Amino acid sequence: MERKVIWSPQSLTDLEGIRDYIARDSEHYALAFVEDILEASLSLSLFPERGRVVPEFSEHKTRELFVKRYRLIYELSQHQVEVLAIIHMSRDFLIAWEERAPE
């Protein structure tokens, strides 16, 4: 069964920030990165469990895919996949996760 892929507002902010950061050096690579992320997220509609469980959470429904040097964090539900965050792998995950948590 195909699931709908949606993006949380914070994950869109993550993507825009990363795109803008990369674009300071290269518009071409910034656009290529966005395409890679979007392609990876769309693949989750058919293969939602292809990513591994996020080890910091150990919850089956919270998973991640690696895209270049970023962790695309998403959550599964019965009918959809929600992209929650894009976090660089060099960052301490739990600190980065808490910094971006809504108040």
C-alpha atoms as a PDB file:
ATOM      1  CA  MET A   1       0.000   0.000   0.000  1.00  0.00           C
ATOM      2  CA  GLU A   2       1.341   3.368  -0.999  1.00  0.00           C
ATOM      3  CA  ARG A   3       1.614   5.982   1.764  1.00  0.00           C
ATOM      4  CA  LYS A   4       1.382   9.723   1.435  1.00  0.00           C
ATOM      5  CA  VAL A   5       4.647  11.565   2.166  1.00  0.00           C
ATOM      6  CA  ILE A   6       4.264  14.858   4.001  1.00  0.00           C
ATOM      7  CA  TRP A   7       6.830  17.311   5.363  1.00  0.00           C
ATOM      8  CA  SER A   8       6.582  18.982   8.749  1.00  0.00           C
ATOM      9  CA  PRO A   9       7.086  22.754   8.718  1.00  0.00           C
ATOM     10  CA  GLN A  10      10.347  22.312  10.631  1.00  0.00           C
ATOM     11  CA  SER A  11      11.705  19.797   8.121  1.00  0.00           C
ATOM     12  CA  LEU A  12      10.999  22.258   5.301  1.00  0.00           C
ATOM     13  CA  THR A  13      12.884  24.899   7.271  1.00  0.00           C
ATOM     14  CA  ASP A  14      15.769  22.429   7.642  1.00  0.00           C
ATOM     15  CA  LEU A  15      15.815  21.788   3.896  1.00  0.00           C
ATOM     16  CA  GLU A  16      15.717  25.479   3.023  1.00  0.00           C
ATOM     17  CA  GLY A  17      18.528  26.247   5.465  1.00  0.00           C
ATOM     18  CA  ILE A  18      20.738  23.492   4.077  1.00  0.00           C
ATOM     19  CA  ARG A  19      19.990  24.571   0.511  1.00  0.00           C
ATOM     20  CA  ASP A  20      20.887  28.176   1.324  1.00  0.00           C
ATOM     21  CA  TYR A  21      24.092  27.116   3.072  1.00  0.00           C
ATOM     22  CA  ILE A  22      25.259  24.980   0.126  1.00  0.00           C
ATOM     23  CA  ALA A  23      24.208  27.685  -2.365  1.00  0.00           C
ATOM     24  CA  ARG A  24      26.719  30.108  -0.843  1.00  0.00           C
ATOM     25  CA  ASP A  25      29.354  28.027  -2.638  1.00  0.00           C
ATOM     26  CA  SER A  26      27.368  26.467  -5.480  1.00  0.00           C
ATOM     27  CA  GLU A  27      23.802  26.892  -6.696  1.00  0.00           C
ATOM     28  CA  HIS A  28      24.259  23.736  -8.764  1.00  0.00           C
ATOM     29  CA  TYR A  29      25.159  21.553  -5.768  1.00  0.00           C
ATOM     30  CA  ALA A  30      22.427  23.128  -3.664  1.00  0.00           C
ATOM     31  CA  LEU A  31      19.789  22.167  -6.235  1.00  0.00           C
ATOM     32  CA  ALA A  32      21.302  18.695  -6.653  1.00  0.00           C
ATOM     33  CA  PHE A  33      21.135  18.169  -2.888  1.00  0.00           C
ATOM     34  CA  VAL A  34      17.478  19.219  -2.752  1.00  0.00           C
ATOM     35  CA  GLU A  35      16.697  16.823  -5.603  1.00  0.00           C
ATOM     36  CA  ASP A  36      18.474  13.982  -3.775  1.00  0.00           C
ATOM     37  CA  ILE A  37      16.524  14.657  -0.576  1.00  0.00           C
ATOM     38  CA  LEU A  38      13.193  14.899  -2.398  1.00  0.00           C
ATOM     39  CA  GLU A  39      13.878  11.703  -4.328  1.00  0.00           C
ATOM     40  CA  ALA A  40      14.753   9.849  -1.120  1.00  0.00           C
ATOM     41  CA  SER A  41      11.618  11.110   0.621  1.00  0.00           C
ATOM     42  CA  LEU A  42       9.357  10.160  -2.294  1.00  0.00           C
ATOM     43  CA  SER A  43      10.758   6.632  -2.301  1.00  0.00           C
ATOM     44  CA  LEU A  44       9.282   6.247   1.181  1.00  0.00           C
ATOM     45  CA  SER A  45       5.755   6.233  -0.246  1.00  0.00           C
ATOM     46  CA  LEU A  46       6.384   2.722  -1.600  1.00  0.00           C
ATOM     47  CA  PHE A  47       9.126   1.529   0.767  1.00  0.00           C
ATOM     48  CA  PRO A  48       8.446   3.273   4.087  1.00  0.00           C
ATOM     49  CA  GLU A  49      10.366   0.791   6.228  1.00  0.00           C
ATOM     50  CA  ARG A  50      13.548   0.883   4.144  1.00  0.00           C
ATOM     51  CA  GLY A  51      15.286   3.235   6.548  1.00  0.00           C
ATOM     52  CA  ARG A  52      16.711   2.056   9.830  1.00  0.00           C
ATOM     53  CA  VAL A  53      15.180   2.730  13.226  1.00  0.00           C
ATOM     54  CA  VAL A  54      16.714   5.871  14.732  1.00  0.00           C
ATOM     55  CA  PRO A  55      19.043   4.362  17.371  1.00  0.00           C
ATOM     56  CA  GLU A  56      18.673   7.319  19.722  1.00  0.00           C
ATOM     57  CA  PHE A  57      14.911   6.665  19.962  1.00  0.00           C
ATOM     58  CA  SER A  58      14.613   2.888  19.437  1.00  0.00           C
ATOM     59  CA  GLU A  59      11.022   3.296  18.252  1.00  0.00           C
ATOM     60  CA  HIS A  60       9.958   1.251  15.236  1.00  0.00           C
ATOM     61  CA  LYS A  61       7.924   4.127  13.808  1.00  0.00           C
ATOM     62  CA  THR A  62      10.765   6.709  13.862  1.00  0.00           C
ATOM     63  CA  ARG A  63      13.270   5.899  11.131  1.00  0.00           C
ATOM     64  CA  GLU A  64      16.023   7.501   9.092  1.00  0.00           C
ATOM     65  CA  LEU A  65      17.621   7.456   5.685  1.00  0.00           C
ATOM     66  CA  PHE A  66      21.121   8.705   4.988  1.00  0.00           C
ATOM     67  CA  VAL A  67      21.395  11.169   2.124  1.00  0.00           C
ATOM     68  CA  LYS A  68      24.950  12.301   1.554  1.00  0.00           C
ATOM     69  CA  ARG A  69      26.075  13.477   5.017  1.00  0.00           C
ATOM     70  CA  TYR A  70      22.561  14.101   6.354  1.00  0.00           C
ATOM     71  CA  ARG A  71      20.065  12.060   8.295  1.00  0.00           C
ATOM     72  CA  LEU A  72      16.521  12.328   6.939  1.00  0.00           C
ATOM     73  CA  ILE A  73      14.347  11.544   9.964  1.00  0.00           C
ATOM     74  CA  TYR A  74      10.781  10.406   9.374  1.00  0.00           C
ATOM     75  CA  GLU A  75       7.866   8.870  11.219  1.00  0.00           C
ATOM     76  CA  LEU A  76       5.557   6.138   9.998  1.00  0.00           C
ATOM     77  CA  SER A  77       1.837   5.961  10.518  1.00  0.00           C
ATOM     78  CA  GLN A  78      -0.708   3.682   8.916  1.00  0.00           C
ATOM     79  CA  HIS A  79      -1.418   5.906   5.903  1.00  0.00           C
ATOM     80  CA  GLN A  80       1.467   8.350   5.705  1.00  0.00           C
ATOM     81  CA  VAL A  81       5.130   9.063   6.189  1.00  0.00           C
ATOM     82  CA  GLU A  82       6.007  12.384   7.789  1.00  0.00           C
ATOM     83  CA  VAL A  83       9.457  13.851   7.272  1.00  0.00           C
ATOM     84  CA  LEU A  84      10.419  15.343  10.629  1.00  0.00           C
ATOM     85  CA  ALA A  85      13.973  16.615  10.233  1.00  0.00           C
ATOM     86  CA  ILE A  86      17.160  16.739   8.206  1.00  0.00           C
ATOM     87  CA  ILE A  87      20.209  16.766  10.475  1.00  0.00           C
ATOM     88  CA  HIS A  88      23.872  16.771   9.479  1.00  0.00           C
ATOM     89  CA  MET A  89      25.687  13.632  10.641  1.00  0.00           C
ATOM     90  CA  SER A  90      28.502  15.626  12.253  1.00  0.00           C
ATOM     91  CA  ARG A  91      26.097  17.109  14.791  1.00  0.00           C
ATOM     92  CA  ASP A  92      25.257  15.528  18.105  1.00  0.00           C
ATOM     93  CA  PHE A  93      21.844  14.135  17.191  1.00  0.00           C
ATOM     94  CA  LEU A  94      20.078  14.619  20.520  1.00  0.00           C
ATOM     95  CA  ILE A  95      21.279  18.210  20.875  1.00  0.00           C
ATOM     96  CA  ALA A  96      20.242  19.013  17.298  1.00  0.00           C
ATOM     97  CA  TRP A  97      16.869  17.341  17.861  1.00  0.00           C
ATOM     98  CA  GLU A  98      16.180  19.305  21.042  1.00  0.00           C
ATOM     99  CA  GLU A  99      17.247  22.607  19.458  1.00  0.00           C
ATOM    100  CA  ARG A 100      14.678  22.237  16.743  1.00  0.00           C
ATOM    101  CA  ALA A 101      11.812  20.907  18.883  1.00  0.00           C
ATOM    102  CA  PRO A 102       8.729  23.169  18.830  1.00  0.00           C
ATOM    103  CA  GLU A 103       8.015  25.058  22.007  1.00  0.00           C
END
